[in-house]
C-alpha atoms as a PDB file:
ATOM      1  CA  MET A   1     128.413 141.697 102.186  1.00  0.00           C
ATOM      2  CA  SER A   2     130.043 143.953  99.557  1.00  0.00           C
ATOM      3  CA  SER A   3     128.439 147.145  98.216  1.00  0.00           C
ATOM      4  CA  ILE A   4     127.296 147.205  94.609  1.00  0.00           C
ATOM      5  CA  VAL A   5     126.303 150.899  94.797  1.00  0.00           C
ATOM      6  CA  SER A   6     128.364 153.418  96.763  1.00  0.00           C
ATOM      7  CA  ILE A   7     127.120 156.999  97.193  1.00  0.00           C
ATOM      8  CA  GLN A   8     129.150 159.712  98.903  1.00  0.00           C
ATOM      9  CA  LYS A   9     128.226 163.331  99.673  1.00  0.00           C
ATOM     10  CA  LEU A  10     125.698 163.423  96.833  1.00  0.00           C
ATOM     11  CA  THR A  11     123.926 166.716  96.176  1.00  0.00           C
ATOM     12  CA  LYS A  12     121.521 167.937  93.516  1.00  0.00           C
ATOM     13  CA  THR A  13     120.591 171.618  93.251  1.00  0.00           C
ATOM     14  CA  TYR A  14     118.466 172.895  90.377  1.00  0.00           C
ATOM     15  CA  ALA A  15     118.827 176.216  88.539  1.00  0.00           C
ATOM     16  CA  ASN A  16     116.048 177.774  90.619  1.00  0.00           C
ATOM     17  CA  GLY A  17     118.036 177.056  93.790  1.00  0.00           C
ATOM     18  CA  PHE A  18     115.943 174.100  94.980  1.00  0.00           C
ATOM     19  CA  SER A  19     118.072 171.461  96.715  1.00  0.00           C
ATOM     20  CA  ALA A  20     116.627 168.041  95.925  1.00  0.00           C
ATOM     21  CA  LEU A  21     119.467 166.107  97.604  1.00  0.00           C
ATOM     22  CA  LYS A  22     121.662 167.353 100.436  1.00  0.00           C
ATOM     23  CA  GLY A  23     124.840 165.360 101.032  1.00  0.00           C
ATOM     24  CA  VAL A  24     123.449 161.821 100.765  1.00  0.00           C
ATOM     25  CA  ASP A  25     125.721 158.931 101.801  1.00  0.00           C
ATOM     26  CA  LEU A  26     124.507 155.406 101.093  1.00  0.00           C
ATOM     27  CA  GLU A  27     125.953 151.935 100.580  1.00  0.00           C
ATOM     28  CA  ILE A  28     123.674 149.438  98.808  1.00  0.00           C
ATOM     29  CA  ARG A  29     124.643 145.830  99.388  1.00  0.00           C
ATOM     30  CA  GLU A  30     124.780 143.277  96.624  1.00  0.00           C
ATOM     31  CA  GLY A  31     121.779 140.942  96.638  1.00  0.00           C
ATOM     32  CA  GLU A  32     119.615 142.882  99.098  1.00  0.00           C
ATOM     33  CA  ILE A  33     116.179 144.473  98.803  1.00  0.00           C
ATOM     34  CA  LEU A  34     116.367 148.084  99.965  1.00  0.00           C
ATOM     35  CA  ALA A  35     113.171 150.105 100.357  1.00  0.00           C
ATOM     36  CA  LEU A  36     113.361 153.902 100.198  1.00  0.00           C
ATOM     37  CA  LEU A  37     110.487 155.576 102.009  1.00  0.00           C
ATOM     38  CA  GLY A  38     109.671 159.244 101.924  1.00  0.00           C
ATOM     39  CA  PRO A  39     106.872 161.731 101.244  1.00  0.00           C
ATOM     40  CA  ASN A  40     106.324 163.326  97.845  1.00  0.00           C
ATOM     41  CA  GLY A  41     109.221 165.600  96.949  1.00  0.00           C
ATOM     42  CA  ALA A  42     111.567 163.906  99.424  1.00  0.00           C
ATOM     43  CA  GLY A  43     114.208 163.197  96.750  1.00  0.00           C
ATOM     44  CA  LYS A  44     113.613 159.495  96.080  1.00  0.00           C
ATOM     45  CA  THR A  45     113.153 159.751  92.307  1.00  0.00           C
ATOM     46  CA  THR A  46     116.016 162.268  92.006  1.00  0.00           C
ATOM     47  CA  LEU A  47     118.337 159.844  93.783  1.00  0.00           C
ATOM     48  CA  ILE A  48     117.350 156.973  91.485  1.00  0.00           C
ATOM     49  CA  SER A  49     117.684 159.186  88.398  1.00  0.00           C
ATOM     50  CA  ILE A  50     121.259 160.085  89.294  1.00  0.00           C
ATOM     51  CA  ILE A  51     122.272 156.483  90.006  1.00  0.00           C
ATOM     52  CA  CYS A  52     120.757 155.422  86.680  1.00  0.00           C
ATOM     53  CA  GLY A  53     122.525 158.213  84.779  1.00  0.00           C
ATOM     54  CA  ILE A  54     119.344 160.050  83.829  1.00  0.00           C
ATOM     55  CA  SER A  55     120.255 163.123  85.880  1.00  0.00           C
ATOM     56  CA  VAL A  56     123.670 164.634  86.608  1.00  0.00           C
ATOM     57  CA  PRO A  57     124.619 165.350  90.248  1.00  0.00           C
ATOM     58  CA  THR A  58     125.695 168.788  91.386  1.00  0.00           C
ATOM     59  CA  SER A  59     128.432 167.288  93.537  1.00  0.00           C
ATOM     60  CA  GLY A  60     129.448 164.016  95.151  1.00  0.00           C
ATOM     61  CA  THR A  61     130.196 160.595  93.667  1.00  0.00           C
ATOM     62  CA  VAL A  62     128.156 157.523  92.761  1.00  0.00           C
ATOM     63  CA  LEU A  63     129.844 154.230  91.971  1.00  0.00           C
ATOM     64  CA  VAL A  64     127.936 151.292  90.498  1.00  0.00           C
ATOM     65  CA  GLY A  65     129.887 148.056  90.425  1.00  0.00           C
ATOM     66  CA  GLY A  66     132.999 150.149  91.060  1.00  0.00           C
ATOM     67  CA  HIS A  67     132.361 152.435  88.049  1.00  0.00           C
ATOM     68  CA  ASP A  68     131.553 156.155  88.192  1.00  0.00           C
ATOM     69  CA  VAL A  69     128.043 156.889  86.882  1.00  0.00           C
ATOM     70  CA  VAL A  70     129.182 160.097  85.171  1.00  0.00           C
ATOM     71  CA  GLN A  71     132.606 159.119  83.804  1.00  0.00           C
ATOM     72  CA  GLU A  72     131.698 155.513  82.909  1.00  0.00           C
ATOM     73  CA  PHE A  73     128.031 155.825  82.033  1.00  0.00           C
ATOM     74  CA  ARG A  74     127.861 152.935  79.557  1.00  0.00           C
ATOM     75  CA  LYS A  75     129.397 150.478  82.012  1.00  0.00           C
ATOM     76  CA  THR A  76     127.137 151.477  84.892  1.00  0.00           C
ATOM     77  CA  ARG A  77     123.963 151.608  82.792  1.00  0.00           C
ATOM     78  CA  ALA A  78     124.597 148.062  81.571  1.00  0.00           C
ATOM     79  CA  LEU A  79     124.426 146.892  85.191  1.00  0.00           C
ATOM     80  CA  ILE A  80     121.100 148.609  85.892  1.00  0.00           C
ATOM     81  CA  GLY A  81     117.479 147.852  85.114  1.00  0.00           C
ATOM     82  CA  LEU A  82     114.955 150.628  85.759  1.00  0.00           C
ATOM     83  CA  VAL A  83     111.206 150.308  86.137  1.00  0.00           C
ATOM     84  CA  PRO A  84     109.770 153.857  86.081  1.00  0.00           C
ATOM     85  CA  GLN A  85     106.620 154.939  87.862  1.00  0.00           C
ATOM     86  CA  GLU A  86     104.869 155.933  84.631  1.00  0.00           C
ATOM     87  CA  LEU A  87     103.428 153.279  82.315  1.00  0.00           C
ATOM     88  CA  THR A  88     105.433 154.099  79.175  1.00  0.00           C
ATOM     89  CA  THR A  89     104.954 151.288  76.666  1.00  0.00           C
ATOM     90  CA  ASP A  90     104.154 150.876  72.970  1.00  0.00           C
ATOM     91  CA  GLN A  91     100.470 150.032  73.226  1.00  0.00           C
ATOM     92  CA  PHE A  92     100.296 148.296  69.813  1.00  0.00           C
ATOM     93  CA  GLU A  93     103.305 145.996  70.274  1.00  0.00           C
ATOM     94  CA  THR A  94     103.205 142.477  71.713  1.00  0.00           C
ATOM     95  CA  VAL A  95     104.654 141.564  75.076  1.00  0.00           C
ATOM     96  CA  TRP A  96     107.255 139.272  73.489  1.00  0.00           C
ATOM     97  CA  ASN A  97     108.466 141.854  70.980  1.00  0.00           C
ATOM     98  CA  THR A  98     108.594 144.635  73.572  1.00  0.00           C
ATOM     99  CA  VAL A  99     110.761 142.662  75.989  1.00  0.00           C
ATOM    100  CA  THR A 100     112.983 141.269  73.219  1.00  0.00           C
ATOM    101  CA  PHE A 101     113.513 144.742  71.757  1.00  0.00           C
ATOM    102  CA  SER A 102     114.521 146.080  75.177  1.00  0.00           C
ATOM    103  CA  ARG A 103     117.316 143.484  75.361  1.00  0.00           C
ATOM    104  CA  GLY A 104     118.564 144.538  71.946  1.00  0.00           C
ATOM    105  CA  VAL A 105     118.554 148.234  72.873  1.00  0.00           C
ATOM    106  CA  HIS A 106     121.129 147.469  75.560  1.00  0.00           C
ATOM    107  CA  GLY A 107     123.345 145.720  73.015  1.00  0.00           C
ATOM    108  CA  ALA A 108     122.803 142.209  74.372  1.00  0.00           C
ATOM    109  CA  LYS A 109     122.720 139.244  72.017  1.00  0.00           C
ATOM    110  CA  SER A 110     119.435 137.524  71.249  1.00  0.00           C
ATOM    111  CA  ASN A 111     118.411 134.989  73.913  1.00  0.00           C
ATOM    112  CA  PRO A 112     114.844 133.701  73.429  1.00  0.00           C
ATOM    113  CA  ALA A 113     115.239 131.140  76.226  1.00  0.00           C
ATOM    114  CA  LEU A 114     116.033 133.889  78.736  1.00  0.00           C
ATOM    115  CA  ILE A 115     113.088 136.030  77.583  1.00  0.00           C
ATOM    116  CA  GLU A 116     110.817 133.003  77.961  1.00  0.00           C
ATOM    117  CA  GLN A 117     112.047 132.405  81.513  1.00  0.00           C
ATOM    118  CA  ILE A 118     111.580 136.055  82.502  1.00  0.00           C
ATOM    119  CA  LEU A 119     108.015 136.055  81.190  1.00  0.00           C
ATOM    120  CA  LYS A 120     107.246 132.827  83.024  1.00  0.00           C
ATOM    121  CA  ASP A 121     108.735 134.157  86.280  1.00  0.00           C
ATOM    122  CA  LEU A 122     106.525 137.235  86.021  1.00  0.00           C
ATOM    123  CA  THR A 123     103.409 135.238  85.064  1.00  0.00           C
ATOM    124  CA  LEU A 124     103.372 136.795  81.594  1.00  0.00           C
ATOM    125  CA  TRP A 125     104.027 133.762  79.427  1.00  0.00           C
ATOM    126  CA  ASP A 126     100.364 133.262  78.581  1.00  0.00           C
ATOM    127  CA  LYS A 127     100.233 136.917  77.479  1.00  0.00           C
ATOM    128  CA  ARG A 128     103.375 136.829  75.312  1.00  0.00           C
ATOM    129  CA  ASN A 129     101.444 137.375  72.074  1.00  0.00           C
ATOM    130  CA  ALA A 130      98.993 139.896  73.519  1.00  0.00           C
ATOM    131  CA  LYS A 131      99.305 143.569  72.620  1.00  0.00           C
ATOM    132  CA  LEU A 132     100.072 145.864  75.505  1.00  0.00           C
ATOM    133  CA  ARG A 133      96.854 147.839  75.053  1.00  0.00           C
ATOM    134  CA  GLU A 134      94.971 144.620  75.869  1.00  0.00           C
ATOM    135  CA  LEU A 135      96.617 144.214  79.278  1.00  0.00           C
ATOM    136  CA  SER A 136      95.514 145.418  82.697  1.00  0.00           C
ATOM    137  CA  GLY A 137      97.527 148.053  84.566  1.00  0.00           C
ATOM    138  CA  GLY A 138      99.072 145.382  86.780  1.00  0.00           C
ATOM    139  CA  MET A 139     100.147 143.294  83.789  1.00  0.00           C
ATOM    140  CA  LYS A 140     101.665 146.354  82.106  1.00  0.00           C
ATOM    141  CA  ARG A 141     103.771 146.958  85.204  1.00  0.00           C
ATOM    142  CA  ARG A 142     104.999 143.370  85.005  1.00  0.00           C
ATOM    143  CA  VAL A 143     105.973 144.007  81.394  1.00  0.00           C
ATOM    144  CA  LEU A 144     108.015 147.019  82.533  1.00  0.00           C
ATOM    145  CA  ILE A 145     109.837 144.771  85.004  1.00  0.00           C
ATOM    146  CA  ALA A 146     110.426 142.189  82.253  1.00  0.00           C
ATOM    147  CA  LYS A 147     111.858 144.912  79.987  1.00  0.00           C
ATOM    148  CA  ALA A 148     114.170 146.060  82.767  1.00  0.00           C
ATOM    149  CA  LEU A 149     115.408 142.491  83.307  1.00  0.00           C
ATOM    150  CA  ALA A 150     115.842 141.608  79.648  1.00  0.00           C
ATOM    151  CA  HIS A 151     119.529 142.608  79.485  1.00  0.00           C
ATOM    152  CA  GLU A 152     120.341 140.704  82.727  1.00  0.00           C
ATOM    153  CA  PRO A 153     121.134 143.636  85.033  1.00  0.00           C
ATOM    154  CA  ARG A 154     122.670 143.099  88.449  1.00  0.00           C
ATOM    155  CA  ILE A 155     120.615 145.932  89.952  1.00  0.00           C
ATOM    156  CA  LEU A 156     116.895 146.601  89.552  1.00  0.00           C
ATOM    157  CA  PHE A 157     115.336 149.947  90.479  1.00  0.00           C
ATOM    158  CA  LEU A 158     111.569 149.984  91.016  1.00  0.00           C
ATOM    159  CA  ASP A 159     109.966 153.426  91.327  1.00  0.00           C
ATOM    160  CA  GLU A 160     106.535 152.923  92.918  1.00  0.00           C
ATOM    161  CA  PRO A 161     106.175 149.467  91.296  1.00  0.00           C
ATOM    162  CA  THR A 162     102.656 148.712  92.533  1.00  0.00           C
ATOM    163  CA  ALA A 163     101.047 152.165  92.308  1.00  0.00           C
ATOM    164  CA  GLY A 164      97.472 151.780  91.111  1.00  0.00           C
ATOM    165  CA  VAL A 165      97.599 147.982  91.267  1.00  0.00           C
ATOM    166  CA  ASP A 166      94.921 146.024  93.136  1.00  0.00           C
ATOM    167  CA  VAL A 167      95.822 144.055  96.274  1.00  0.00           C
ATOM    168  CA  GLU A 168      95.886 140.640  94.581  1.00  0.00           C
ATOM    169  CA  LEU A 169      98.226 141.753  91.780  1.00  0.00           C
ATOM    170  CA  ARG A 170     100.339 143.681  94.256  1.00  0.00           C
ATOM    171  CA  ARG A 171     101.011 140.564  96.296  1.00  0.00           C
ATOM    172  CA  GLY A 172     101.791 138.664  93.103  1.00  0.00           C
ATOM    173  CA  MET A 173     104.374 141.276  92.198  1.00  0.00           C
ATOM    174  CA  TRP A 174     105.856 141.091  95.697  1.00  0.00           C
ATOM    175  CA  ALA A 175     106.367 137.376  95.153  1.00  0.00           C
ATOM    176  CA  ALA A 176     107.960 137.984  91.746  1.00  0.00           C
ATOM    177  CA  ILE A 177     110.364 140.556  93.194  1.00  0.00           C
ATOM    178  CA  GLY A 178     111.249 138.164  95.995  1.00  0.00           C
ATOM    179  CA  ARG A 179     112.172 135.518  93.417  1.00  0.00           C
ATOM    180  CA  LEU A 180     114.431 138.032  91.672  1.00  0.00           C
ATOM    181  CA  ARG A 181     116.368 138.545  94.889  1.00  0.00           C
ATOM    182  CA  GLU A 182     116.879 134.790  95.100  1.00  0.00           C
ATOM    183  CA  THR A 183     118.683 134.920  91.736  1.00  0.00           C
ATOM    184  CA  GLY A 184     121.154 137.476  93.137  1.00  0.00           C
ATOM    185  CA  VAL A 185     119.602 140.646  91.697  1.00  0.00           C
ATOM    186  CA  THR A 186     119.888 143.680  93.964  1.00  0.00           C
ATOM    187  CA  VAL A 187     116.497 145.413  94.239  1.00  0.00           C
ATOM    188  CA  ILE A 188     115.931 149.033  95.267  1.00  0.00           C
ATOM    189  CA  LEU A 189     112.343 150.167  95.451  1.00  0.00           C
ATOM    190  CA  THR A 190     110.600 153.395  96.339  1.00  0.00           C
ATOM    191  CA  THR A 191     107.089 153.016  97.644  1.00  0.00           C
ATOM    192  CA  HIS A 192     104.231 154.828  99.332  1.00  0.00           C
ATOM    193  CA  TYR A 193     102.882 151.525 100.616  1.00  0.00           C
ATOM    194  CA  ILE A 194     104.487 151.040 104.026  1.00  0.00           C
ATOM    195  CA  GLU A 195     103.291 147.432 104.137  1.00  0.00           C
ATOM    196  CA  GLU A 196     105.196 146.823 100.912  1.00  0.00           C
ATOM    197  CA  ALA A 197     108.472 147.767 102.569  1.00  0.00           C
ATOM    198  CA  GLU A 198     107.537 145.865 105.705  1.00  0.00           C
ATOM    199  CA  GLU A 199     106.763 142.745 103.681  1.00  0.00           C
ATOM    200  CA  MET A 200     109.705 142.721 101.269  1.00  0.00           C
ATOM    201  CA  ALA A 201     112.688 144.780 102.336  1.00  0.00           C
ATOM    202  CA  ASP A 202     115.866 143.652 104.069  1.00  0.00           C
ATOM    203  CA  ARG A 203     116.732 147.251 104.934  1.00  0.00           C
ATOM    204  CA  ILE A 204     114.713 150.448 105.152  1.00  0.00           C
ATOM    205  CA  GLY A 205     115.935 153.910 104.174  1.00  0.00           C
ATOM    206  CA  VAL A 206     113.915 156.981 105.123  1.00  0.00           C
ATOM    207  CA  ILE A 207     114.478 160.138 103.080  1.00  0.00           C
ATOM    208  CA  SER A 208     112.877 163.519 103.701  1.00  0.00           C
ATOM    209  CA  GLY A 209     113.688 166.989 102.435  1.00  0.00           C
ATOM    210  CA  GLY A 210     116.583 165.662 100.369  1.00  0.00           C
ATOM    211  CA  GLU A 211     118.318 164.130 103.394  1.00  0.00           C
ATOM    212  CA  LEU A 212     118.694 160.452 104.221  1.00  0.00           C
ATOM    213  CA  LEU A 213     117.457 160.278 107.805  1.00  0.00           C
ATOM    214  CA  LEU A 214     118.477 156.675 108.397  1.00  0.00           C
ATOM    215  CA  VAL A 215     119.187 153.314 106.798  1.00  0.00           C
ATOM    216  CA  GLU A 216     118.598 150.332 109.056  1.00  0.00           C
ATOM    217  CA  GLU A 217     117.998 146.611 108.954  1.00  0.00           C
ATOM    218  CA  LYS A 218     114.236 146.236 109.053  1.00  0.00           C
ATOM    219  CA  ARG A 219     114.192 144.081 112.177  1.00  0.00           C
ATOM    220  CA  ALA A 220     116.690 146.296 113.987  1.00  0.00           C
ATOM    221  CA  LEU A 221     114.657 149.380 113.092  1.00  0.00           C
ATOM    222  CA  MET A 222     111.450 147.841 114.405  1.00  0.00           C
ATOM    223  CA  GLN A 223     113.178 146.825 117.615  1.00  0.00           C
ATOM    224  CA  LYS A 224     114.999 150.115 118.165  1.00  0.00           C
ATOM    225  CA  LEU A 225     112.234 152.563 117.321  1.00  0.00           C
ATOM    226  CA  GLY A 226     109.147 150.426 117.774  1.00  0.00           C
ATOM    227  CA  ARG A 227     106.902 150.931 120.793  1.00  0.00           C
ATOM    228  CA  LYS A 228     104.718 148.404 122.549  1.00  0.00           C
ATOM    229  CA  GLN A 229     101.478 149.153 124.318  1.00  0.00           C
ATOM    230  CA  LEU A 230      99.606 147.199 126.960  1.00  0.00           C
ATOM    231  CA  ARG A 231      95.947 148.211 127.229  1.00  0.00           C
ATOM    232  CA  LEU A 232      93.784 147.037 130.095  1.00  0.00           C
ATOM    233  CA  GLU A 233      90.020 147.500 130.056  1.00  0.00           C
ATOM    234  CA  LEU A 234      88.470 148.074 133.483  1.00  0.00           C
ATOM    235  CA  LYS A 235      85.091 146.745 134.615  1.00  0.00           C
ATOM    236  CA  GLU A 236      84.417 150.032 136.418  1.00  0.00           C
ATOM    237  CA  PRO A 237      85.703 153.402 135.153  1.00  0.00           C
ATOM    238  CA  LEU A 238      88.141 155.548 137.151  1.00  0.00           C
ATOM    239  CA  GLU A 239      87.679 159.267 137.689  1.00  0.00           C
ATOM    240  CA  SER A 240      91.399 159.748 138.280  1.00  0.00           C
ATOM    241  CA  LEU A 241      94.559 157.701 138.139  1.00  0.00           C
ATOM    242  CA  PRO A 242      95.794 156.361 141.501  1.00  0.00           C
ATOM    243  CA  PRO A 243      99.276 157.696 142.386  1.00  0.00           C
ATOM    244  CA  THR A 244     100.739 154.181 142.541  1.00  0.00           C
ATOM    245  CA  LEU A 245      99.740 153.566 138.922  1.00  0.00           C
ATOM    246  CA  ALA A 246     100.871 157.013 137.780  1.00  0.00           C
ATOM    247  CA  ALA A 247     104.275 156.293 139.317  1.00  0.00           C
ATOM    248  CA  LEU A 248     104.557 153.243 137.059  1.00  0.00           C
ATOM    249  CA  GLY A 249     103.882 155.367 133.965  1.00  0.00           C
ATOM    250  CA  LEU A 250     100.301 154.290 133.299  1.00  0.00           C
ATOM    251  CA  THR A 251      97.754 156.650 131.758  1.00  0.00           C
ATOM    252  CA  LEU A 252      93.978 156.702 131.651  1.00  0.00           C
ATOM    253  CA  ALA A 253      92.137 156.150 128.367  1.00  0.00           C
ATOM    254  CA  ASP A 254      88.607 155.701 127.012  1.00  0.00           C
ATOM    255  CA  GLY A 255      86.986 158.006 129.549  1.00  0.00           C
ATOM    256  CA  GLY A 256      88.578 156.243 132.497  1.00  0.00           C
ATOM    257  CA  ARG A 257      87.617 152.770 131.345  1.00  0.00           C
ATOM    258  CA  GLY A 258      91.103 151.879 130.179  1.00  0.00           C
ATOM    259  CA  LEU A 259      94.673 151.864 131.458  1.00  0.00           C
ATOM    260  CA  VAL A 260      97.597 152.154 129.052  1.00  0.00           C
ATOM    261  CA  HIS A 261     101.196 151.116 129.694  1.00  0.00           C
ATOM    262  CA  GLU A 262     103.675 152.035 126.926  1.00  0.00           C
ATOM    263  CA  TYR A 263     107.186 150.672 126.702  1.00  0.00           C
ATOM    264  CA  GLY A 264     109.908 149.983 124.164  1.00  0.00           C
ATOM    265  CA  ASN A 265     113.591 149.254 123.607  1.00  0.00           C
ATOM    266  CA  GLY A 266     113.399 146.814 126.505  1.00  0.00           C
ATOM    267  CA  ALA A 267     112.442 149.612 128.918  1.00  0.00           C
ATOM    268  CA  GLY A 268     109.252 149.026 130.861  1.00  0.00           C
ATOM    269  CA  GLU A 269     108.828 145.457 129.698  1.00  0.00           C
ATOM    270  CA  GLY A 270     110.022 144.133 133.049  1.00  0.00           C
ATOM    271  CA  ARG A 271     107.501 146.327 134.881  1.00  0.00           C
ATOM    272  CA  ILE A 272     104.453 144.509 133.514  1.00  0.00           C
ATOM    273  CA  GLY A 273     104.342 142.215 136.535  1.00  0.00           C
ATOM    274  CA  ALA A 274     104.580 145.220 138.857  1.00  0.00           C
ATOM    275  CA  VAL A 275     101.827 146.977 136.874  1.00  0.00           C
ATOM    276  CA  LEU A 276      99.451 144.034 137.242  1.00  0.00           C
ATOM    277  CA  ALA A 277     100.283 143.681 140.925  1.00  0.00           C
ATOM    278  CA  ALA A 278      99.646 147.389 141.534  1.00  0.00           C
ATOM    279  CA  ILE A 279      96.288 147.196 139.734  1.00  0.00           C
ATOM    280  CA  GLU A 280      95.301 144.252 141.896  1.00  0.00           C
ATOM    281  CA  ALA A 281      96.457 146.085 145.051  1.00  0.00           C
ATOM    282  CA  GLU A 282      94.202 149.000 144.102  1.00  0.00           C
ATOM    283  CA  GLY A 283      91.259 146.598 143.994  1.00  0.00           C
ATOM    284  CA  LEU A 284      90.606 147.199 140.285  1.00  0.00           C
ATOM    285  CA  SER A 285      89.011 144.507 138.121  1.00  0.00           C
ATOM    286  CA  ILE A 286      90.146 143.956 134.537  1.00  0.00           C
ATOM    287  CA  SER A 287      87.665 142.819 131.867  1.00  0.00           C
ATOM    288  CA  ASP A 288      90.043 142.644 128.891  1.00  0.00           C
ATOM    289  CA  VAL A 289      93.744 142.897 128.014  1.00  0.00           C
ATOM    290  CA  ALA A 290      95.270 143.749 124.635  1.00  0.00           C
ATOM    291  CA  THR A 291      98.774 144.453 123.349  1.00  0.00           C
ATOM    292  CA  ARG A 292      99.913 146.414 120.312  1.00  0.00           C
ATOM    293  CA  GLN A 293     103.316 146.922 118.720  1.00  0.00           C
ATOM    294  CA  SER A 294     104.020 149.959 116.555  1.00  0.00           C
ATOM    295  CA  SER A 295     104.246 149.272 112.842  1.00  0.00           C
ATOM    296  CA  LEU A 296     106.765 150.505 110.315  1.00  0.00           C
ATOM    297  CA  GLU A 297     104.181 153.135 109.352  1.00  0.00           C
ATOM    298  CA  ASP A 298     104.154 154.481 112.918  1.00  0.00           C
ATOM    299  CA  ILE A 299     107.961 154.684 112.867  1.00  0.00           C
ATOM    300  CA  PHE A 300     107.994 156.395 109.459  1.00  0.00           C
ATOM    301  CA  VAL A 301     105.412 158.988 110.490  1.00  0.00           C
ATOM    302  CA  SER A 302     107.299 159.753 113.703  1.00  0.00           C
ATOM    303  CA  LEU A 303     110.606 160.179 111.851  1.00  0.00           C
ATOM    304  CA  VAL A 304     109.246 162.406 109.088  1.00  0.00           C
ATOM    305  CA  GLY A 305     107.077 164.294 111.564  1.00  0.00           C
ATOM    306  CA  GLU A 306     110.180 165.345 113.448  1.00  0.00           C
ATOM    307  CA  ARG A 307     111.457 167.249 110.411  1.00  0.00           C
ATOM    308  CA  PRO A 308     111.004 171.040 110.441  1.00  0.00           C
END
């Protein structure tokens, strides 16, 4: 799959000496959904601002559709739709007029049929004549997405697209973004909601302290860094762990009432049979068994927690 955005050795240092980005390299594939995760101040918004031509890099190159974002700004900006985190809309204008005007600002010819389709895809058609001040926060965010799509960009940037939106609307927006990907639009989103990235993204990028720690396929990341846990509840508590169980890597939990076996990356999975056999040989009775696999949130916290 070819790259639609190519970033090499990108840095951004402000006048006060603060380094927001430190040598970022990233290839964004055409037609994918890429989620950028990171704590506040990690550099996510700075990275998006540079790609979109809002901010100028200190050094490095960014190519969008093969065009340099600094030298060929007009060409790259025409390929990009941006949905900012802040709700910046004309509160007294209608949905239809707002989205139509946005298409005209980018120099695109009038296309009422396309605007109608965008509004229908985002479940805004029934609100087309409503003024923005009459809409809920979730609906206003959908209008921002519609505005960003009005000039038919190939790339859509979503900066915290569901911040402050209730769960029902959030899932509706996830579905709308998924439909966009089906039309060939490349989607890059920043989010604080780990489940959002887990639900939608093809690849996950983790950024912290201005550095891109990793970019991985979501499934590969879960498999490589995810941990599994087998928890066994005992009918009678143990005061100490028998040496045979300690040798297999088990630990005591819940005041001696539980045994925990952790494994991952294929290691330890084959020992489950030996673990159960050793427990039986020790004459221990099990009342319950449960398994747990680490989530993307666990992986994210462990990665960012390793930073100085």
